[in-house]
N, C-alpha and C. Protein backbone atom coordinates (compact mmCIF):
# COMPACT_ATOMS: atom_id res chain seq x y z
N UNK A 1 109.63 -79.19 76.51
CA UNK A 1 109.16 -79.39 77.86
C UNK A 1 109.74 -80.70 78.39
N UNK A 2 110.29 -80.64 79.57
CA UNK A 2 110.94 -81.80 80.17
C UNK A 2 110.03 -82.38 81.24
N UNK A 3 109.84 -83.69 81.17
CA UNK A 3 109.05 -84.36 82.18
C UNK A 3 109.85 -84.42 83.48
N UNK A 4 109.21 -84.15 84.58
CA UNK A 4 109.84 -84.18 85.91
C UNK A 4 111.05 -83.26 86.00
N UNK A 5 110.88 -82.03 85.56
CA UNK A 5 111.97 -81.05 85.57
C UNK A 5 112.49 -80.82 86.99
N UNK A 6 111.58 -80.74 87.95
CA UNK A 6 111.99 -80.52 89.35
C UNK A 6 112.82 -81.68 89.88
N UNK A 7 112.46 -82.89 89.48
CA UNK A 7 113.23 -84.06 89.93
C UNK A 7 114.64 -84.03 89.36
N UNK A 8 114.77 -83.65 88.08
CA UNK A 8 116.10 -83.55 87.49
C UNK A 8 116.92 -82.44 88.15
N UNK A 9 116.26 -81.36 88.53
CA UNK A 9 116.97 -80.29 89.23
C UNK A 9 117.46 -80.78 90.59
N UNK A 10 116.64 -81.57 91.26
CA UNK A 10 117.05 -82.11 92.56
C UNK A 10 118.22 -83.08 92.42
N UNK A 11 118.17 -83.93 91.38
CA UNK A 11 119.27 -84.86 91.13
C UNK A 11 120.57 -84.09 90.83
N UNK A 12 120.45 -83.05 90.04
CA UNK A 12 121.61 -82.23 89.72
C UNK A 12 122.18 -81.55 90.97
N UNK A 13 121.28 -81.07 91.82
CA UNK A 13 121.73 -80.43 93.06
C UNK A 13 122.48 -81.42 93.94
N UNK A 14 121.95 -82.63 94.09
CA UNK A 14 122.61 -83.63 94.93
C UNK A 14 123.98 -84.00 94.38
N UNK A 15 124.09 -84.12 93.07
CA UNK A 15 125.37 -84.45 92.45
C UNK A 15 126.38 -83.33 92.67
N UNK A 16 125.94 -82.09 92.49
CA UNK A 16 126.83 -80.95 92.70
C UNK A 16 127.22 -80.81 94.17
N UNK A 17 126.28 -81.10 95.07
CA UNK A 17 126.57 -81.03 96.50
C UNK A 17 127.63 -82.05 96.88
N UNK A 18 127.54 -83.25 96.32
CA UNK A 18 128.55 -84.28 96.60
C UNK A 18 129.93 -83.82 96.13
N UNK A 19 129.98 -83.20 94.96
CA UNK A 19 131.26 -82.68 94.46
C UNK A 19 131.80 -81.57 95.36
N UNK A 20 130.94 -80.65 95.78
CA UNK A 20 131.38 -79.54 96.63
C UNK A 20 131.90 -80.03 97.98
N UNK A 21 131.21 -81.01 98.54
CA UNK A 21 131.61 -81.54 99.85
C UNK A 21 133.00 -82.16 99.77
N UNK A 22 133.25 -82.93 98.70
CA UNK A 22 134.57 -83.55 98.56
C UNK A 22 135.65 -82.55 98.17
N UNK A 23 135.27 -81.49 97.46
CA UNK A 23 136.25 -80.48 97.08
C UNK A 23 136.71 -79.69 98.30
N UNK A 24 135.80 -79.39 99.23
CA UNK A 24 136.16 -78.63 100.42
C UNK A 24 136.99 -79.46 101.39
N UNK A 25 136.59 -80.72 101.58
CA UNK A 25 137.30 -81.59 102.52
C UNK A 25 137.20 -83.03 102.02
N UNK A 26 138.30 -83.60 101.53
CA UNK A 26 138.26 -84.98 101.03
C UNK A 26 137.92 -86.03 102.09
N UNK A 27 137.88 -85.63 103.36
CA UNK A 27 137.54 -86.56 104.43
C UNK A 27 136.02 -86.79 104.53
N UNK A 28 135.24 -85.95 103.86
CA UNK A 28 133.78 -86.05 103.94
C UNK A 28 133.22 -87.08 102.96
N UNK A 29 133.83 -88.24 102.90
CA UNK A 29 133.39 -89.30 101.98
C UNK A 29 131.98 -89.78 102.31
N UNK A 30 131.66 -89.88 103.60
CA UNK A 30 130.34 -90.41 104.00
C UNK A 30 129.21 -89.49 103.57
N UNK A 31 129.40 -88.19 103.70
CA UNK A 31 128.35 -87.25 103.30
C UNK A 31 128.15 -87.28 101.78
N UNK A 32 129.25 -87.35 101.04
CA UNK A 32 129.15 -87.44 99.59
C UNK A 32 128.47 -88.75 99.17
N UNK A 33 128.76 -89.84 99.87
CA UNK A 33 128.11 -91.12 99.59
C UNK A 33 126.61 -91.03 99.87
N UNK A 34 126.24 -90.33 100.94
CA UNK A 34 124.82 -90.17 101.26
C UNK A 34 124.10 -89.42 100.14
N UNK A 35 124.72 -88.33 99.65
CA UNK A 35 124.12 -87.55 98.57
C UNK A 35 123.95 -88.41 97.31
N UNK A 36 124.98 -89.18 96.97
CA UNK A 36 124.92 -90.02 95.77
C UNK A 36 123.90 -91.14 95.93
N UNK A 37 123.80 -91.71 97.13
CA UNK A 37 122.82 -92.76 97.38
C UNK A 37 121.40 -92.19 97.27
N UNK A 38 121.19 -91.00 97.81
CA UNK A 38 119.88 -90.34 97.72
C UNK A 38 119.53 -90.05 96.25
N UNK A 39 120.51 -89.58 95.52
CA UNK A 39 120.32 -89.30 94.09
C UNK A 39 119.92 -90.57 93.35
N UNK A 40 120.59 -91.66 93.61
CA UNK A 40 120.29 -92.93 92.94
C UNK A 40 118.91 -93.45 93.31
N UNK A 41 118.54 -93.34 94.59
CA UNK A 41 117.23 -93.84 95.01
C UNK A 41 116.09 -93.00 94.40
N UNK A 42 116.28 -91.69 94.26
CA UNK A 42 115.27 -90.83 93.64
C UNK A 42 115.10 -91.19 92.17
N UNK A 43 116.22 -91.37 91.47
CA UNK A 43 116.13 -91.68 90.05
C UNK A 43 115.50 -93.06 89.82
N UNK A 44 115.74 -93.99 90.72
CA UNK A 44 115.11 -95.32 90.60
C UNK A 44 113.62 -95.25 90.88
N UNK A 45 113.26 -94.54 91.92
CA UNK A 45 111.85 -94.47 92.31
C UNK A 45 111.01 -93.77 91.25
N UNK A 46 111.54 -92.71 90.63
CA UNK A 46 110.80 -91.97 89.61
C UNK A 46 111.06 -92.49 88.20
N UNK A 47 111.89 -93.52 88.08
CA UNK A 47 112.25 -94.14 86.81
C UNK A 47 112.77 -93.08 85.84
N UNK A 48 113.83 -92.40 86.24
CA UNK A 48 114.46 -91.37 85.43
C UNK A 48 115.84 -91.85 85.01
N UNK A 49 116.18 -91.60 83.76
CA UNK A 49 117.50 -91.99 83.27
C UNK A 49 118.49 -90.87 83.53
N UNK A 50 119.62 -91.26 84.11
CA UNK A 50 120.68 -90.29 84.34
C UNK A 50 121.65 -90.31 83.16
N UNK A 51 122.35 -89.22 82.97
CA UNK A 51 123.33 -89.13 81.91
C UNK A 51 124.46 -90.13 82.17
N UNK A 52 125.00 -90.78 81.13
CA UNK A 52 126.08 -91.75 81.34
C UNK A 52 127.32 -91.14 82.00
N UNK A 53 127.60 -89.87 81.74
CA UNK A 53 128.76 -89.25 82.37
C UNK A 53 128.58 -89.15 83.89
N UNK A 54 127.34 -89.02 84.35
CA UNK A 54 127.07 -88.98 85.79
C UNK A 54 127.16 -90.38 86.36
N UNK A 55 126.57 -91.36 85.66
CA UNK A 55 126.57 -92.73 86.18
C UNK A 55 127.98 -93.30 86.26
N UNK A 56 128.86 -92.88 85.36
CA UNK A 56 130.24 -93.39 85.36
C UNK A 56 131.05 -92.86 86.53
N UNK A 57 130.63 -91.78 87.14
CA UNK A 57 131.40 -91.21 88.24
C UNK A 57 130.85 -91.59 89.61
N UNK A 58 129.90 -92.53 89.66
CA UNK A 58 129.36 -93.00 90.93
C UNK A 58 129.56 -94.51 91.00
N UNK A 59 130.10 -94.98 92.11
CA UNK A 59 130.33 -96.41 92.30
C UNK A 59 128.98 -97.11 92.48
N UNK A 60 128.79 -98.22 91.77
CA UNK A 60 127.52 -98.94 91.85
C UNK A 60 127.39 -99.72 93.16
N UNK A 61 128.49 -100.01 93.79
CA UNK A 61 128.46 -100.83 94.99
C UNK A 61 128.26 -100.00 96.27
N UNK A 62 129.10 -98.99 96.44
CA UNK A 62 129.05 -98.22 97.70
C UNK A 62 128.56 -96.79 97.51
N UNK A 63 128.23 -96.39 96.28
CA UNK A 63 127.72 -95.06 95.95
C UNK A 63 128.70 -93.94 96.27
N UNK A 64 129.99 -94.23 96.22
CA UNK A 64 130.99 -93.18 96.38
C UNK A 64 131.11 -92.39 95.10
N UNK A 65 131.44 -91.13 95.22
CA UNK A 65 131.71 -90.30 94.06
C UNK A 65 133.14 -90.61 93.63
N UNK A 66 133.32 -91.08 92.41
CA UNK A 66 134.63 -91.52 91.93
C UNK A 66 135.41 -90.35 91.35
N UNK A 67 136.27 -89.78 92.19
CA UNK A 67 137.14 -88.69 91.77
C UNK A 67 138.56 -89.23 91.75
N UNK A 68 139.24 -89.17 90.59
CA UNK A 68 140.59 -89.73 90.50
C UNK A 68 141.55 -89.11 91.50
N UNK A 69 142.24 -89.96 92.23
CA UNK A 69 143.21 -89.51 93.22
C UNK A 69 142.62 -89.29 94.60
N UNK A 70 141.33 -89.09 94.70
CA UNK A 70 140.67 -88.86 95.99
C UNK A 70 139.94 -90.13 96.44
N UNK A 71 139.03 -90.60 95.61
CA UNK A 71 138.27 -91.79 96.00
C UNK A 71 138.39 -92.92 94.98
N UNK A 72 139.21 -92.73 93.94
CA UNK A 72 139.38 -93.79 92.94
C UNK A 72 140.74 -93.66 92.28
N UNK A 73 141.14 -94.76 91.64
CA UNK A 73 142.34 -94.75 90.80
C UNK A 73 141.92 -95.01 89.37
N UNK A 74 142.59 -94.37 88.43
CA UNK A 74 142.28 -94.53 87.01
C UNK A 74 143.56 -95.00 86.33
N UNK A 75 143.45 -96.10 85.60
CA UNK A 75 144.59 -96.67 84.88
C UNK A 75 144.19 -96.94 83.44
N UNK A 76 145.18 -96.86 82.57
CA UNK A 76 144.99 -97.24 81.17
C UNK A 76 145.64 -98.61 80.97
N UNK A 77 144.90 -99.55 80.42
CA UNK A 77 145.39 -100.90 80.18
C UNK A 77 145.23 -101.24 78.71
N UNK A 78 146.12 -102.10 78.24
CA UNK A 78 145.99 -102.61 76.88
C UNK A 78 145.77 -104.11 76.99
N UNK A 79 144.64 -104.55 76.42
CA UNK A 79 144.28 -105.96 76.52
C UNK A 79 143.61 -106.37 75.21
N UNK A 80 144.09 -107.45 74.63
CA UNK A 80 143.56 -107.94 73.36
C UNK A 80 143.58 -106.85 72.29
N UNK A 81 144.67 -106.17 72.20
CA UNK A 81 144.87 -105.10 71.21
C UNK A 81 143.84 -103.98 71.31
N UNK A 82 143.27 -103.79 72.49
CA UNK A 82 142.35 -102.69 72.72
C UNK A 82 142.76 -101.96 73.99
N UNK A 83 142.52 -100.67 74.00
CA UNK A 83 142.83 -99.88 75.20
C UNK A 83 141.59 -99.79 76.07
N UNK A 84 141.79 -99.97 77.36
CA UNK A 84 140.71 -99.91 78.34
C UNK A 84 141.08 -98.91 79.42
N UNK A 85 140.10 -98.17 79.90
CA UNK A 85 140.26 -97.31 81.07
C UNK A 85 139.67 -98.07 82.25
N UNK A 86 140.49 -98.31 83.27
CA UNK A 86 140.05 -99.07 84.44
C UNK A 86 139.96 -98.10 85.62
N UNK A 87 138.75 -97.98 86.19
CA UNK A 87 138.51 -97.12 87.34
C UNK A 87 138.24 -98.02 88.54
N UNK A 88 139.01 -97.83 89.61
CA UNK A 88 138.86 -98.66 90.80
C UNK A 88 138.48 -97.78 91.99
N UNK A 89 137.39 -98.16 92.66
CA UNK A 89 136.92 -97.43 93.84
C UNK A 89 137.85 -97.77 95.01
N UNK A 90 138.31 -96.75 95.73
CA UNK A 90 139.20 -96.98 96.87
C UNK A 90 138.44 -97.38 98.13
N UNK A 91 137.13 -97.17 98.18
CA UNK A 91 136.34 -97.53 99.35
C UNK A 91 135.97 -99.01 99.37
N UNK A 92 135.46 -99.52 98.25
CA UNK A 92 134.98 -100.91 98.24
C UNK A 92 135.81 -101.81 97.33
N UNK A 93 136.62 -101.26 96.45
CA UNK A 93 137.46 -102.06 95.57
C UNK A 93 136.80 -102.45 94.26
N UNK A 94 135.60 -101.99 93.97
CA UNK A 94 134.92 -102.33 92.72
C UNK A 94 135.66 -101.69 91.54
N UNK A 95 135.83 -102.46 90.47
CA UNK A 95 136.49 -101.91 89.28
C UNK A 95 135.49 -101.81 88.14
N UNK A 96 135.62 -100.76 87.37
CA UNK A 96 134.83 -100.54 86.17
C UNK A 96 135.80 -100.44 85.01
N UNK A 97 135.44 -101.06 83.89
CA UNK A 97 136.28 -100.97 82.70
C UNK A 97 135.50 -100.31 81.58
N UNK A 98 136.13 -99.35 80.91
CA UNK A 98 135.52 -98.65 79.79
C UNK A 98 136.47 -98.76 78.60
N UNK A 99 135.93 -99.12 77.46
CA UNK A 99 136.73 -99.22 76.25
C UNK A 99 137.14 -97.82 75.80
N UNK A 100 138.42 -97.64 75.53
CA UNK A 100 138.94 -96.34 75.11
C UNK A 100 139.03 -96.30 73.59
N UNK A 101 137.90 -96.29 72.94
CA UNK A 101 137.83 -96.21 71.48
C UNK A 101 137.47 -94.79 71.11
N UNK A 102 138.36 -94.06 70.44
CA UNK A 102 138.04 -92.66 70.12
C UNK A 102 136.88 -92.50 69.15
N UNK A 103 136.58 -93.52 68.35
CA UNK A 103 135.48 -93.43 67.40
C UNK A 103 134.14 -93.82 68.01
N UNK A 104 134.13 -94.32 69.24
CA UNK A 104 132.90 -94.80 69.86
C UNK A 104 132.04 -93.62 70.32
N UNK A 105 130.74 -93.73 70.05
CA UNK A 105 129.79 -92.72 70.52
C UNK A 105 128.72 -93.40 71.34
N UNK A 106 128.33 -92.79 72.42
CA UNK A 106 127.22 -93.30 73.21
C UNK A 106 125.94 -93.18 72.40
N UNK A 107 124.94 -93.99 72.74
CA UNK A 107 123.67 -93.95 72.03
C UNK A 107 123.05 -92.56 72.13
N UNK A 108 123.16 -91.94 73.30
CA UNK A 108 122.54 -90.62 73.49
C UNK A 108 123.20 -89.54 72.64
N UNK A 109 124.43 -89.78 72.17
CA UNK A 109 125.14 -88.80 71.36
C UNK A 109 124.96 -89.04 69.86
N UNK A 110 124.36 -90.16 69.48
CA UNK A 110 124.19 -90.47 68.06
C UNK A 110 122.96 -89.74 67.51
N UNK A 111 123.00 -89.38 66.23
CA UNK A 111 121.86 -88.65 65.66
C UNK A 111 120.56 -89.45 65.65
N UNK A 112 120.64 -90.79 65.60
CA UNK A 112 119.42 -91.59 65.60
C UNK A 112 118.67 -91.50 66.92
N UNK A 113 119.36 -91.12 67.98
CA UNK A 113 118.74 -91.07 69.30
C UNK A 113 117.88 -89.83 69.49
N UNK A 114 118.07 -88.81 68.68
CA UNK A 114 117.33 -87.57 68.85
C UNK A 114 115.90 -87.73 68.36
N UNK A 115 114.96 -87.22 69.11
CA UNK A 115 113.54 -87.36 68.80
C UNK A 115 113.17 -86.64 67.52
N UNK A 116 113.78 -85.48 67.25
CA UNK A 116 113.46 -84.72 66.05
C UNK A 116 113.75 -85.54 64.80
N UNK A 117 114.85 -86.29 64.82
CA UNK A 117 115.20 -87.08 63.65
C UNK A 117 114.20 -88.20 63.42
N UNK A 118 113.65 -88.78 64.48
CA UNK A 118 112.64 -89.83 64.33
C UNK A 118 111.36 -89.26 63.73
N UNK A 119 110.96 -88.09 64.16
CA UNK A 119 109.74 -87.46 63.66
C UNK A 119 109.90 -87.13 62.18
N UNK A 120 111.04 -86.55 61.81
CA UNK A 120 111.26 -86.18 60.42
C UNK A 120 111.36 -87.40 59.52
N UNK A 121 112.00 -88.46 60.00
CA UNK A 121 112.18 -89.65 59.18
C UNK A 121 110.87 -90.40 58.99
N UNK A 122 110.06 -90.47 60.03
CA UNK A 122 108.84 -91.26 59.93
C UNK A 122 107.76 -90.54 59.13
N UNK A 123 107.59 -89.26 59.32
CA UNK A 123 106.58 -88.51 58.60
C UNK A 123 105.17 -88.90 58.99
N UNK A 124 104.99 -89.54 60.12
CA UNK A 124 103.67 -89.96 60.57
C UNK A 124 103.46 -91.44 60.34
N UNK A 125 102.40 -91.97 60.91
CA UNK A 125 102.08 -93.38 60.75
C UNK A 125 101.52 -93.64 59.36
N UNK A 126 101.52 -94.88 58.96
CA UNK A 126 101.07 -95.26 57.62
C UNK A 126 99.58 -94.95 57.46
N UNK A 127 99.25 -94.24 56.40
CA UNK A 127 97.86 -93.92 56.13
C UNK A 127 97.35 -92.70 56.89
N UNK A 128 98.20 -92.08 57.71
CA UNK A 128 97.77 -90.90 58.47
C UNK A 128 98.56 -89.69 58.00
N UNK A 129 97.93 -88.54 58.12
CA UNK A 129 98.63 -87.31 57.79
C UNK A 129 99.50 -86.91 58.97
N UNK A 130 100.69 -86.33 58.70
CA UNK A 130 101.52 -85.88 59.81
C UNK A 130 100.85 -84.73 60.56
N UNK A 131 101.15 -84.63 61.83
CA UNK A 131 100.58 -83.58 62.66
C UNK A 131 101.16 -82.23 62.25
N UNK A 132 100.51 -81.12 62.66
CA UNK A 132 101.05 -79.78 62.32
C UNK A 132 102.46 -79.56 62.87
N UNK A 133 102.76 -80.16 64.03
CA UNK A 133 104.11 -80.01 64.60
C UNK A 133 105.11 -80.70 63.70
N UNK A 134 104.78 -81.93 63.24
CA UNK A 134 105.68 -82.65 62.34
C UNK A 134 105.85 -81.90 61.04
N UNK A 135 104.75 -81.30 60.51
CA UNK A 135 104.84 -80.55 59.26
C UNK A 135 105.73 -79.33 59.42
N UNK A 136 105.61 -78.63 60.56
CA UNK A 136 106.44 -77.43 60.76
C UNK A 136 107.91 -77.81 60.94
N UNK A 137 108.17 -78.94 61.64
CA UNK A 137 109.56 -79.39 61.78
C UNK A 137 110.14 -79.77 60.43
N UNK A 138 109.34 -80.47 59.63
CA UNK A 138 109.79 -80.89 58.32
C UNK A 138 110.04 -79.67 57.44
N UNK A 139 109.14 -78.69 57.50
CA UNK A 139 109.28 -77.48 56.69
C UNK A 139 110.51 -76.69 57.10
N UNK A 140 110.76 -76.60 58.41
CA UNK A 140 111.95 -75.85 58.86
C UNK A 140 113.22 -76.57 58.46
N UNK A 141 113.20 -77.91 58.47
CA UNK A 141 114.39 -78.67 58.06
C UNK A 141 114.64 -78.48 56.57
N UNK A 142 113.58 -78.48 55.74
CA UNK A 142 113.76 -78.29 54.31
C UNK A 142 114.16 -76.85 54.01
N UNK A 143 113.63 -75.91 54.78
CA UNK A 143 113.97 -74.51 54.57
C UNK A 143 115.44 -74.26 54.88
N UNK A 144 115.96 -74.92 55.91
CA UNK A 144 117.38 -74.78 56.24
C UNK A 144 118.24 -75.34 55.11
N UNK A 145 117.78 -76.42 54.51
CA UNK A 145 118.57 -77.06 53.46
C UNK A 145 118.48 -76.28 52.15
N UNK A 146 117.31 -75.76 51.79
CA UNK A 146 117.13 -75.11 50.48
C UNK A 146 117.15 -73.60 50.54
N UNK A 147 116.99 -73.03 51.70
CA UNK A 147 116.91 -71.58 51.81
C UNK A 147 115.48 -71.17 52.05
N UNK A 148 115.24 -69.91 52.42
CA UNK A 148 113.87 -69.46 52.71
C UNK A 148 113.01 -69.45 51.46
N UNK A 149 111.74 -69.70 51.65
CA UNK A 149 110.82 -69.69 50.51
C UNK A 149 110.46 -68.26 50.16
N UNK A 150 110.11 -68.04 48.87
CA UNK A 150 109.81 -66.68 48.41
C UNK A 150 108.33 -66.46 48.19
N UNK A 151 107.48 -67.46 48.42
CA UNK A 151 106.06 -67.28 48.17
C UNK A 151 105.45 -66.40 49.26
N UNK A 152 104.50 -65.54 48.91
CA UNK A 152 103.91 -64.64 49.90
C UNK A 152 103.05 -65.41 50.90
N UNK A 153 103.02 -64.90 52.09
CA UNK A 153 102.23 -65.54 53.13
C UNK A 153 100.79 -65.06 53.06
N UNK A 154 99.86 -65.97 53.26
CA UNK A 154 98.44 -65.61 53.25
C UNK A 154 98.07 -65.03 54.61
N UNK A 155 97.01 -64.23 54.61
CA UNK A 155 96.57 -63.64 55.86
C UNK A 155 95.87 -64.72 56.70
N UNK A 156 96.23 -64.86 57.98
CA UNK A 156 95.60 -65.88 58.81
C UNK A 156 94.10 -65.66 58.92
N UNK A 157 93.38 -66.74 59.17
CA UNK A 157 91.92 -66.69 59.24
C UNK A 157 91.44 -65.80 60.37
N UNK A 158 92.18 -65.77 61.47
CA UNK A 158 91.75 -64.94 62.60
C UNK A 158 91.78 -63.46 62.25
N UNK A 159 92.78 -63.04 61.47
CA UNK A 159 92.84 -61.64 61.07
C UNK A 159 91.73 -61.31 60.08
N UNK A 160 91.42 -62.25 59.16
CA UNK A 160 90.34 -62.03 58.21
C UNK A 160 89.02 -61.87 58.94
N UNK A 161 88.82 -62.69 59.95
CA UNK A 161 87.58 -62.61 60.72
C UNK A 161 87.52 -61.29 61.48
N UNK A 162 88.67 -60.85 62.00
CA UNK A 162 88.70 -59.59 62.73
C UNK A 162 88.41 -58.42 61.80
N UNK A 163 88.94 -58.45 60.58
CA UNK A 163 88.69 -57.39 59.61
C UNK A 163 87.22 -57.38 59.23
N UNK A 164 86.63 -58.57 59.04
CA UNK A 164 85.21 -58.66 58.69
C UNK A 164 84.32 -58.11 59.77
N UNK A 165 84.62 -58.35 61.02
CA UNK A 165 83.79 -57.85 62.11
C UNK A 165 83.93 -56.34 62.24
N UNK A 166 85.13 -55.81 61.98
CA UNK A 166 85.31 -54.36 62.07
C UNK A 166 84.47 -53.65 61.01
N UNK A 167 84.47 -54.21 59.78
CA UNK A 167 83.70 -53.56 58.72
C UNK A 167 82.21 -53.64 59.00
N UNK A 168 81.75 -54.73 59.60
CA UNK A 168 80.34 -54.85 59.95
C UNK A 168 79.97 -53.88 61.06
N UNK A 169 80.92 -53.66 61.98
CA UNK A 169 80.63 -52.75 63.09
C UNK A 169 80.55 -51.31 62.59
N UNK A 170 81.35 -50.97 61.60
CA UNK A 170 81.37 -49.60 61.10
C UNK A 170 80.08 -49.26 60.37
N UNK A 171 79.49 -50.25 59.71
CA UNK A 171 78.28 -50.03 58.91
C UNK A 171 77.14 -49.43 59.73
N UNK A 172 76.69 -50.04 60.81
CA UNK A 172 75.55 -49.53 61.56
C UNK A 172 75.85 -48.19 62.23
N UNK A 173 77.08 -47.92 62.60
CA UNK A 173 77.41 -46.67 63.29
C UNK A 173 77.34 -45.48 62.33
N UNK A 174 77.68 -45.72 61.07
CA UNK A 174 77.67 -44.63 60.11
C UNK A 174 76.25 -44.16 59.81
N UNK A 175 75.23 -44.97 59.98
CA UNK A 175 73.84 -44.61 59.69
C UNK A 175 73.28 -43.67 60.66
């Protein structure tokens, strides 16, 4: 379940609308800037984190959508024995530099960033039993690693209770 799903859908719509407007007519820079500015103000007001790939394509100064050749220039530079990607906005002149390291991973792409890994690693707080959700996640992770278990499953309590009530109901009717 995603918190503020409708807000994320609206942000996605505004981002896609800005792309469509510029794809149809590159002269519509102002409309695309309006969409990007609205998207940024919504995400700030609701305190929502946007994906880094989205944030890298929007100018922080003028909120232009940075499309190479249309509203920005992209250059590769070598400085201090490292490669950098330099993106320059053609509207305001702001430059962004990104390190071009092929081994670099964003925090959101690293396995430590995933919530499931934190739950499995922690196993609950000290002195407390893990919740049923944590136990099922842990069991499914171990089952994937070792294979399915062969022990028979017990009948759930709800079915046992249902069987017991049926047998009690049959007793008085037979008399």
